[in-house]
Amino acid sequence: MKNIIIASTSTVHGSDYLEYLLPELKIHFRNCKTILFIPYARPSGISHEEYTTNASSAFAKINIAVKGIHEYDDAALAVKNAEGIFTGGGSTFVLVAQLYQNNIITALTEAVKNGTPYLGTSAGSVICGLSMQTTNDMPIVYPPSFKTLGLIPFNLNAHYLDPDLQSKHMGETRETRIKEFHAYNNIPVLGLREGSWLKVDGDKIILKGQLAARVFKQNQAAEEIETGTDISDLK
């Protein structure tokens, strides 16, 4: 049975890395002594080693060890044997390209579907959807496919931002970009604001956190959903 936390971000304003989620993570990974960290997204281009150190420092606060997937000779076997898995944020394009290059798309999907506790933040959350086509990131590398893990039956837009009505900026809003996606695709999109997350237990998906989320469907007006809402039927 799937056991997943899909968070919009790793860090909220005024707090340390993963700090706002640690109480949830202590419960989520309660049966894990060590979790496997996937640092492929490399935020700001940092190394896998540096990124893993950041994750280790956060999880040390709840007495869980972290080991990076790059430390293993066989990445797919590392995923299969993991007690728990965390995929961090950064560039979704780099992350997805590396998942394919290291041949772990299938292994990761199967492990999480079979119940391995999984945490995704930002790019690590976007890959839980049907495709990565609603990411905010620049296409700095070219992945073999936009198809991702399909752990939830819709797409995500992490770090969703509402339009700033006081701004004089005339560029596209997140809502505009999602409408552009829906001109060619009928997959629903959940705009997940920073500080909120999805808790997935089997086929049940609940919005958690302090903020509402925004649901976008092709040829329909966007809809606000409140925290605590069951969105298992969104597809």
C-alpha atoms as a PDB file:
ATOM      1  CA  MET A   1       0.000   0.000   0.000  1.00  0.00           C
ATOM      2  CA  LYS A   2       1.392   3.390  -0.963  1.00  0.00           C
ATOM      3  CA  ASN A   3       2.682   5.498   1.926  1.00  0.00           C
ATOM      4  CA  ILE A   4       3.765   8.877   0.560  1.00  0.00           C
ATOM      5  CA  ILE A   5       4.267  12.493   1.593  1.00  0.00           C
ATOM      6  CA  ILE A   6       4.273  14.839  -1.398  1.00  0.00           C
ATOM      7  CA  ALA A   7       5.405  18.276  -0.225  1.00  0.00           C
ATOM      8  CA  SER A   8       5.428  21.478  -2.241  1.00  0.00           C
ATOM      9  CA  THR A   9       8.752  22.568  -0.760  1.00  0.00           C
ATOM     10  CA  SER A  10      11.528  21.440   1.567  1.00  0.00           C
ATOM     11  CA  THR A  11      11.895  24.797   3.286  1.00  0.00           C
ATOM     12  CA  VAL A  12       9.340  27.404   4.309  1.00  0.00           C
ATOM     13  CA  HIS A  13      10.262  30.997   5.050  1.00  0.00           C
ATOM     14  CA  GLY A  14      11.907  31.469   8.422  1.00  0.00           C
ATOM     15  CA  SER A  15      12.724  27.807   9.080  1.00  0.00           C
ATOM     16  CA  ASP A  16      15.524  25.342   8.389  1.00  0.00           C
ATOM     17  CA  TYR A  17      15.590  22.612   5.774  1.00  0.00           C
ATOM     18  CA  LEU A  18      12.628  20.218   6.310  1.00  0.00           C
ATOM     19  CA  GLU A  19      12.000  21.706   9.764  1.00  0.00           C
ATOM     20  CA  TYR A  20       8.277  22.285   9.255  1.00  0.00           C
ATOM     21  CA  LEU A  21       7.790  18.640   8.209  1.00  0.00           C
ATOM     22  CA  LEU A  22       9.922  16.899  10.842  1.00  0.00           C
ATOM     23  CA  PRO A  23       7.014  15.973  13.163  1.00  0.00           C
ATOM     24  CA  GLU A  24       5.260  14.325  10.200  1.00  0.00           C
ATOM     25  CA  LEU A  25       8.459  12.667   8.998  1.00  0.00           C
ATOM     26  CA  LYS A  26       9.153  11.161  12.400  1.00  0.00           C
ATOM     27  CA  ILE A  27       5.850   9.311  12.097  1.00  0.00           C
ATOM     28  CA  HIS A  28       6.140   8.648   8.379  1.00  0.00           C
ATOM     29  CA  PHE A  29       9.569   6.990   8.660  1.00  0.00           C
ATOM     30  CA  ARG A  30       9.049   5.538  12.133  1.00  0.00           C
ATOM     31  CA  ASN A  31      10.095   2.042  11.039  1.00  0.00           C
ATOM     32  CA  CYS A  32      13.239   3.223   9.254  1.00  0.00           C
ATOM     33  CA  LYS A  33      16.738   3.387  10.689  1.00  0.00           C
ATOM     34  CA  THR A  34      18.155   4.591   7.371  1.00  0.00           C
ATOM     35  CA  ILE A  35      16.542   6.175   4.340  1.00  0.00           C
ATOM     36  CA  LEU A  36      17.804   6.307   0.773  1.00  0.00           C
ATOM     37  CA  PHE A  37      18.236   9.860  -0.520  1.00  0.00           C
ATOM     38  CA  ILE A  38      18.002  10.639  -4.236  1.00  0.00           C
ATOM     39  CA  PRO A  39      19.963  13.891  -4.775  1.00  0.00           C
ATOM     40  CA  TYR A  40      19.811  13.880  -8.574  1.00  0.00           C
ATOM     41  CA  ALA A  41      17.906  17.200  -8.862  1.00  0.00           C
ATOM     42  CA  ARG A  42      20.981  19.116  -7.565  1.00  0.00           C
ATOM     43  CA  PRO A  43      19.489  22.516  -6.555  1.00  0.00           C
ATOM     44  CA  SER A  44      21.776  25.361  -7.660  1.00  0.00           C
ATOM     45  CA  GLY A  45      24.016  22.705  -9.204  1.00  0.00           C
ATOM     46  CA  ILE A  46      25.406  21.472  -5.867  1.00  0.00           C
ATOM     47  CA  SER A  47      27.087  18.079  -5.745  1.00  0.00           C
ATOM     48  CA  HIS A  48      25.338  14.867  -4.782  1.00  0.00           C
ATOM     49  CA  GLU A  49      27.591  14.663  -1.728  1.00  0.00           C
ATOM     50  CA  GLU A  50      26.768  18.170  -0.525  1.00  0.00           C
ATOM     51  CA  TYR A  51      23.047  17.655  -1.040  1.00  0.00           C
ATOM     52  CA  THR A  52      23.127  14.368   0.855  1.00  0.00           C
ATOM     53  CA  THR A  53      24.910  16.087   3.734  1.00  0.00           C
ATOM     54  CA  ASN A  54      22.090  18.647   3.908  1.00  0.00           C
ATOM     55  CA  ALA A  55      19.483  15.890   4.044  1.00  0.00           C
ATOM     56  CA  SER A  56      21.487  13.966   6.641  1.00  0.00           C
ATOM     57  CA  SER A  57      21.667  17.006   8.917  1.00  0.00           C
ATOM     58  CA  ALA A  58      17.881  17.395   8.830  1.00  0.00           C
ATOM     59  CA  PHE A  59      17.070  13.727   9.460  1.00  0.00           C
ATOM     60  CA  ALA A  60      19.628  13.507  12.255  1.00  0.00           C
ATOM     61  CA  LYS A  61      17.200  15.653  14.271  1.00  0.00           C
ATOM     62  CA  ILE A  62      14.763  12.718  14.281  1.00  0.00           C
ATOM     63  CA  ASN A  63      17.480  10.076  14.643  1.00  0.00           C
ATOM     64  CA  ILE A  64      17.305   8.698  11.114  1.00  0.00           C
ATOM     65  CA  ALA A  65      20.428   8.074   9.037  1.00  0.00           C
ATOM     66  CA  VAL A  66      20.627   9.010   5.345  1.00  0.00           C
ATOM     67  CA  LYS A  67      22.631   7.425   2.551  1.00  0.00           C
ATOM     68  CA  GLY A  68      22.792   8.822  -0.981  1.00  0.00           C
ATOM     69  CA  ILE A  69      21.874   6.644  -3.928  1.00  0.00           C
ATOM     70  CA  HIS A  70      25.093   7.724  -5.672  1.00  0.00           C
ATOM     71  CA  GLU A  71      27.012   5.794  -3.001  1.00  0.00           C
ATOM     72  CA  TYR A  72      25.719   2.470  -4.357  1.00  0.00           C
ATOM     73  CA  ASP A  73      27.049   0.536  -7.350  1.00  0.00           C
ATOM     74  CA  ASP A  74      23.550  -0.693  -8.263  1.00  0.00           C
ATOM     75  CA  ALA A  75      21.002   2.120  -7.970  1.00  0.00           C
ATOM     76  CA  ALA A  76      17.998  -0.092  -8.768  1.00  0.00           C
ATOM     77  CA  LEU A  77      18.984  -2.598  -6.092  1.00  0.00           C
ATOM     78  CA  ALA A  78      19.455   0.241  -3.603  1.00  0.00           C
ATOM     79  CA  VAL A  79      15.898   1.388  -4.298  1.00  0.00           C
ATOM     80  CA  LYS A  80      14.533  -2.146  -3.990  1.00  0.00           C
ATOM     81  CA  ASN A  81      16.224  -2.678  -0.622  1.00  0.00           C
ATOM     82  CA  ALA A  82      15.555   0.765   0.868  1.00  0.00           C
ATOM     83  CA  GLU A  83      13.687   1.066   4.177  1.00  0.00           C
ATOM     84  CA  GLY A  84      12.467   4.497   3.096  1.00  0.00           C
ATOM     85  CA  ILE A  85      13.147   6.894   0.208  1.00  0.00           C
ATOM     86  CA  PHE A  86      13.465  10.677  -0.052  1.00  0.00           C
ATOM     87  CA  THR A  87      13.810  12.520  -3.365  1.00  0.00           C
ATOM     88  CA  GLY A  88      14.785  16.155  -2.925  1.00  0.00           C
ATOM     89  CA  GLY A  89      13.993  19.207  -5.005  1.00  0.00           C
ATOM     90  CA  GLY A  90      15.994  21.158  -7.537  1.00  0.00           C
ATOM     91  CA  SER A  91      15.749  20.803 -11.305  1.00  0.00           C
ATOM     92  CA  THR A  92      12.980  18.447 -12.390  1.00  0.00           C
ATOM     93  CA  PHE A  93      14.617  18.086 -15.803  1.00  0.00           C
ATOM     94  CA  VAL A  94      17.920  16.994 -14.282  1.00  0.00           C
ATOM     95  CA  LEU A  95      16.145  14.676 -11.832  1.00  0.00           C
ATOM     96  CA  VAL A  96      14.044  12.910 -14.474  1.00  0.00           C
ATOM     97  CA  ALA A  97      16.988  12.624 -16.867  1.00  0.00           C
ATOM     98  CA  GLN A  98      19.032  10.938 -14.121  1.00  0.00           C
ATOM     99  CA  LEU A  99      16.202   8.592 -13.117  1.00  0.00           C
ATOM    100  CA  TYR A 100      16.088   7.343 -16.696  1.00  0.00           C
ATOM    101  CA  GLN A 101      19.860   7.306 -17.145  1.00  0.00           C
ATOM    102  CA  ASN A 102      20.279   5.190 -14.017  1.00  0.00           C
ATOM    103  CA  ASN A 103      17.371   2.903 -15.003  1.00  0.00           C
ATOM    104  CA  ILE A 104      15.418   3.341 -11.783  1.00  0.00           C
ATOM    105  CA  ILE A 105      12.069   4.707 -12.960  1.00  0.00           C
ATOM    106  CA  THR A 106      10.501   1.255 -12.777  1.00  0.00           C
ATOM    107  CA  ALA A 107      12.276   0.233  -9.585  1.00  0.00           C
ATOM    108  CA  LEU A 108      11.262   3.439  -7.817  1.00  0.00           C
ATOM    109  CA  THR A 109       7.647   3.179  -8.954  1.00  0.00           C
ATOM    110  CA  GLU A 110       7.365  -0.442  -7.844  1.00  0.00           C
ATOM    111  CA  ALA A 111       9.038   0.168  -4.474  1.00  0.00           C
ATOM    112  CA  VAL A 112       6.677   2.995  -3.563  1.00  0.00           C
ATOM    113  CA  LYS A 113       3.592   1.176  -4.839  1.00  0.00           C
ATOM    114  CA  ASN A 114       4.617  -1.800  -2.703  1.00  0.00           C
ATOM    115  CA  GLY A 115       4.685   0.318   0.451  1.00  0.00           C
ATOM    116  CA  THR A 116       8.201   1.702   0.886  1.00  0.00           C
ATOM    117  CA  PRO A 117       7.661   5.046   2.696  1.00  0.00           C
ATOM    118  CA  TYR A 118       8.438   7.875   0.283  1.00  0.00           C
ATOM    119  CA  LEU A 119       8.979  11.599   0.721  1.00  0.00           C
ATOM    120  CA  GLY A 120       9.169  13.995  -2.185  1.00  0.00           C
ATOM    121  CA  THR A 121       9.792  17.728  -2.028  1.00  0.00           C
ATOM    122  CA  SER A 122       9.476  20.108  -4.975  1.00  0.00           C
ATOM    123  CA  ALA A 123      10.937  18.230  -7.994  1.00  0.00           C
ATOM    124  CA  GLY A 124      10.795  15.045  -5.933  1.00  0.00           C
ATOM    125  CA  SER A 125       7.065  15.672  -5.608  1.00  0.00           C
ATOM    126  CA  VAL A 126       6.457  16.637  -9.233  1.00  0.00           C
ATOM    127  CA  ILE A 127       7.691  13.190 -10.322  1.00  0.00           C
ATOM    128  CA  CYS A 128       4.875  11.575  -8.340  1.00  0.00           C
ATOM    129  CA  GLY A 129       2.433  12.829 -10.969  1.00  0.00           C
ATOM    130  CA  LEU A 130       1.689  11.403 -14.394  1.00  0.00           C
ATOM    131  CA  SER A 131       4.212  13.649 -16.105  1.00  0.00           C
ATOM    132  CA  MET A 132       6.703  16.424 -15.317  1.00  0.00           C
ATOM    133  CA  GLN A 133       5.091  18.816 -17.813  1.00  0.00           C
ATOM    134  CA  THR A 134       3.741  21.170 -15.129  1.00  0.00           C
ATOM    135  CA  THR A 135       7.073  21.828 -13.430  1.00  0.00           C
ATOM    136  CA  ASN A 136       8.311  25.418 -13.117  1.00  0.00           C
ATOM    137  CA  ASP A 137      11.880  24.571 -14.110  1.00  0.00           C
ATOM    138  CA  MET A 138      13.998  25.532 -17.110  1.00  0.00           C
ATOM    139  CA  PRO A 139      14.714  22.688 -19.567  1.00  0.00           C
ATOM    140  CA  ILE A 140      18.469  22.668 -18.931  1.00  0.00           C
ATOM    141  CA  VAL A 141      18.872  19.017 -19.919  1.00  0.00           C
ATOM    142  CA  TYR A 142      16.763  16.756 -22.130  1.00  0.00           C
ATOM    143  CA  PRO A 143      15.213  13.721 -20.413  1.00  0.00           C
ATOM    144  CA  PRO A 144      14.253  10.737 -22.572  1.00  0.00           C
ATOM    145  CA  SER A 145      10.598  11.185 -21.583  1.00  0.00           C
ATOM    146  CA  PHE A 146       8.342  13.561 -19.647  1.00  0.00           C
ATOM    147  CA  LYS A 147       6.542  10.546 -18.180  1.00  0.00           C
ATOM    148  CA  THR A 148       7.141  10.159 -14.442  1.00  0.00           C
ATOM    149  CA  LEU A 149       6.147   7.748 -11.666  1.00  0.00           C
ATOM    150  CA  GLY A 150       2.352   8.005 -11.873  1.00  0.00           C
ATOM    151  CA  LEU A 151       1.883   7.449  -8.145  1.00  0.00           C
ATOM    152  CA  ILE A 152      -1.045   9.882  -8.166  1.00  0.00           C
ATOM    153  CA  PRO A 153      -3.565  10.227 -11.033  1.00  0.00           C
ATOM    154  CA  PHE A 154      -2.892  13.908 -11.778  1.00  0.00           C
ATOM    155  CA  ASN A 155      -0.028  16.369 -12.177  1.00  0.00           C
ATOM    156  CA  LEU A 156       1.468  18.798  -9.675  1.00  0.00           C
ATOM    157  CA  ASN A 157       2.615  22.367  -9.817  1.00  0.00           C
ATOM    158  CA  ALA A 158       4.854  22.739  -6.774  1.00  0.00           C
ATOM    159  CA  HIS A 159       5.545  26.148  -5.189  1.00  0.00           C
ATOM    160  CA  TYR A 160       2.245  27.348  -6.636  1.00  0.00           C
ATOM    161  CA  LEU A 161       2.011  31.148  -6.514  1.00  0.00           C
ATOM    162  CA  ASP A 162      -1.116  33.252  -6.715  1.00  0.00           C
ATOM    163  CA  PRO A 163      -0.992  36.358  -8.917  1.00  0.00           C
ATOM    164  CA  ASP A 164       0.301  39.458  -7.099  1.00  0.00           C
ATOM    165  CA  LEU A 165      -2.396  42.029  -7.787  1.00  0.00           C
ATOM    166  CA  GLN A 166      -0.069  44.854  -6.717  1.00  0.00           C
ATOM    167  CA  SER A 167       2.700  43.848  -9.113  1.00  0.00           C
ATOM    168  CA  LYS A 168       3.315  45.690 -12.379  1.00  0.00           C
ATOM    169  CA  HIS A 169       4.965  42.626 -13.873  1.00  0.00           C
ATOM    170  CA  MET A 170       3.157  41.667 -17.076  1.00  0.00           C
ATOM    171  CA  GLY A 171       4.621  38.177 -17.507  1.00  0.00           C
ATOM    172  CA  GLU A 172       2.698  34.946 -17.285  1.00  0.00           C
ATOM    173  CA  THR A 173       1.264  33.732 -13.985  1.00  0.00           C
ATOM    174  CA  ARG A 174       1.357  30.107 -12.853  1.00  0.00           C
ATOM    175  CA  GLU A 175      -2.335  29.876 -13.702  1.00  0.00           C
ATOM    176  CA  THR A 176      -1.608  31.073 -17.232  1.00  0.00           C
ATOM    177  CA  ARG A 177       1.083  28.433 -17.683  1.00  0.00           C
ATOM    178  CA  ILE A 178      -1.248  25.691 -16.475  1.00  0.00           C
ATOM    179  CA  LYS A 179      -3.923  26.902 -18.910  1.00  0.00           C
ATOM    180  CA  GLU A 180      -1.315  26.601 -21.667  1.00  0.00           C
ATOM    181  CA  PHE A 181      -0.708  23.014 -20.578  1.00  0.00           C
ATOM    182  CA  HIS A 182      -4.449  22.352 -20.709  1.00  0.00           C
ATOM    183  CA  ALA A 183      -4.650  23.626 -24.263  1.00  0.00           C
ATOM    184  CA  TYR A 184      -2.909  20.359 -25.227  1.00  0.00           C
ATOM    185  CA  ASN A 185      -3.489  18.000 -22.275  1.00  0.00           C
ATOM    186  CA  ASN A 186      -6.494  16.935 -20.192  1.00  0.00           C
ATOM    187  CA  ILE A 187      -4.586  15.806 -17.072  1.00  0.00           C
ATOM    188  CA  PRO A 188      -5.807  17.654 -13.933  1.00  0.00           C
ATOM    189  CA  VAL A 189      -3.198  19.787 -12.172  1.00  0.00           C
ATOM    190  CA  LEU A 190      -2.966  20.529  -8.462  1.00  0.00           C
ATOM    191  CA  GLY A 191      -1.349  23.857  -7.570  1.00  0.00           C
ATOM    192  CA  LEU A 192       0.330  23.059  -4.246  1.00  0.00           C
ATOM    193  CA  ARG A 193       1.289  26.126  -2.225  1.00  0.00           C
ATOM    194  CA  GLU A 194       4.465  26.209  -0.139  1.00  0.00           C
ATOM    195  CA  GLY A 195       3.977  24.696   3.302  1.00  0.00           C
ATOM    196  CA  SER A 196       1.277  22.267   2.188  1.00  0.00           C
ATOM    197  CA  TRP A 197       1.587  18.632   1.246  1.00  0.00           C
ATOM    198  CA  LEU A 198      -0.355  15.555   0.181  1.00  0.00           C
ATOM    199  CA  LYS A 199      -0.555  12.447   2.352  1.00  0.00           C
ATOM    200  CA  VAL A 200      -1.113   9.335   0.301  1.00  0.00           C
ATOM    201  CA  ASP A 201      -2.240   6.135   2.045  1.00  0.00           C
ATOM    202  CA  GLY A 202      -2.989   3.474  -0.516  1.00  0.00           C
ATOM    203  CA  ASP A 203      -5.437   5.103  -2.919  1.00  0.00           C
ATOM    204  CA  LYS A 204      -6.469   7.801  -0.433  1.00  0.00           C
ATOM    205  CA  ILE A 205      -5.025  11.287  -0.987  1.00  0.00           C
ATOM    206  CA  ILE A 206      -5.536  14.039   1.605  1.00  0.00           C
ATOM    207  CA  LEU A 207      -4.397  17.671   1.413  1.00  0.00           C
ATOM    208  CA  LYS A 208      -2.422  18.616   4.536  1.00  0.00           C
ATOM    209  CA  GLY A 209      -0.810  21.789   5.858  1.00  0.00           C
ATOM    210  CA  GLN A 210      -2.075  25.266   6.608  1.00  0.00           C
ATOM    211  CA  LEU A 211      -2.898  26.420   3.075  1.00  0.00           C
ATOM    212  CA  ALA A 212      -5.574  25.605   0.536  1.00  0.00           C
ATOM    213  CA  ALA A 213      -4.590  24.212  -2.859  1.00  0.00           C
ATOM    214  CA  ARG A 214      -5.878  25.034  -6.331  1.00  0.00           C
ATOM    215  CA  VAL A 215      -7.285  22.462  -8.740  1.00  0.00           C
ATOM    216  CA  PHE A 216      -7.139  23.027 -12.487  1.00  0.00           C
ATOM    217  CA  LYS A 217      -9.043  20.970 -15.035  1.00  0.00           C
ATOM    218  CA  GLN A 218      -9.229  21.361 -18.778  1.00  0.00           C
ATOM    219  CA  ASN A 219     -12.032  23.724 -19.889  1.00  0.00           C
ATOM    220  CA  GLN A 220     -13.182  24.338 -16.291  1.00  0.00           C
ATOM    221  CA  ALA A 221     -12.782  27.186 -13.829  1.00  0.00           C
ATOM    222  CA  ALA A 222     -10.058  26.654 -11.229  1.00  0.00           C
ATOM    223  CA  GLU A 223     -11.271  25.516  -7.812  1.00  0.00           C
ATOM    224  CA  GLU A 224      -9.890  26.134  -4.312  1.00  0.00           C
ATOM    225  CA  ILE A 225      -9.793  23.138  -1.967  1.00  0.00           C
ATOM    226  CA  GLU A 226      -9.255  23.454   1.759  1.00  0.00           C
ATOM    227  CA  THR A 227      -6.690  21.597   3.829  1.00  0.00           C
ATOM    228  CA  GLY A 228      -8.044  18.275   5.040  1.00  0.00           C
ATOM    229  CA  THR A 229      -9.893  17.656   1.774  1.00  0.00           C
ATOM    230  CA  ASP A 230      -9.897  14.145   0.340  1.00  0.00           C
ATOM    231  CA  ILE A 231      -8.890  14.453  -3.338  1.00  0.00           C
ATOM    232  CA  SER A 232      -8.675  10.748  -4.074  1.00  0.00           C
ATOM    233  CA  ASP A 233     -11.186  11.157  -6.921  1.00  0.00           C
ATOM    234  CA  LEU A 234      -9.145  13.817  -8.746  1.00  0.00           C
ATOM    235  CA  LYS A 235      -8.270  12.293 -12.096  1.00  0.00           C
END
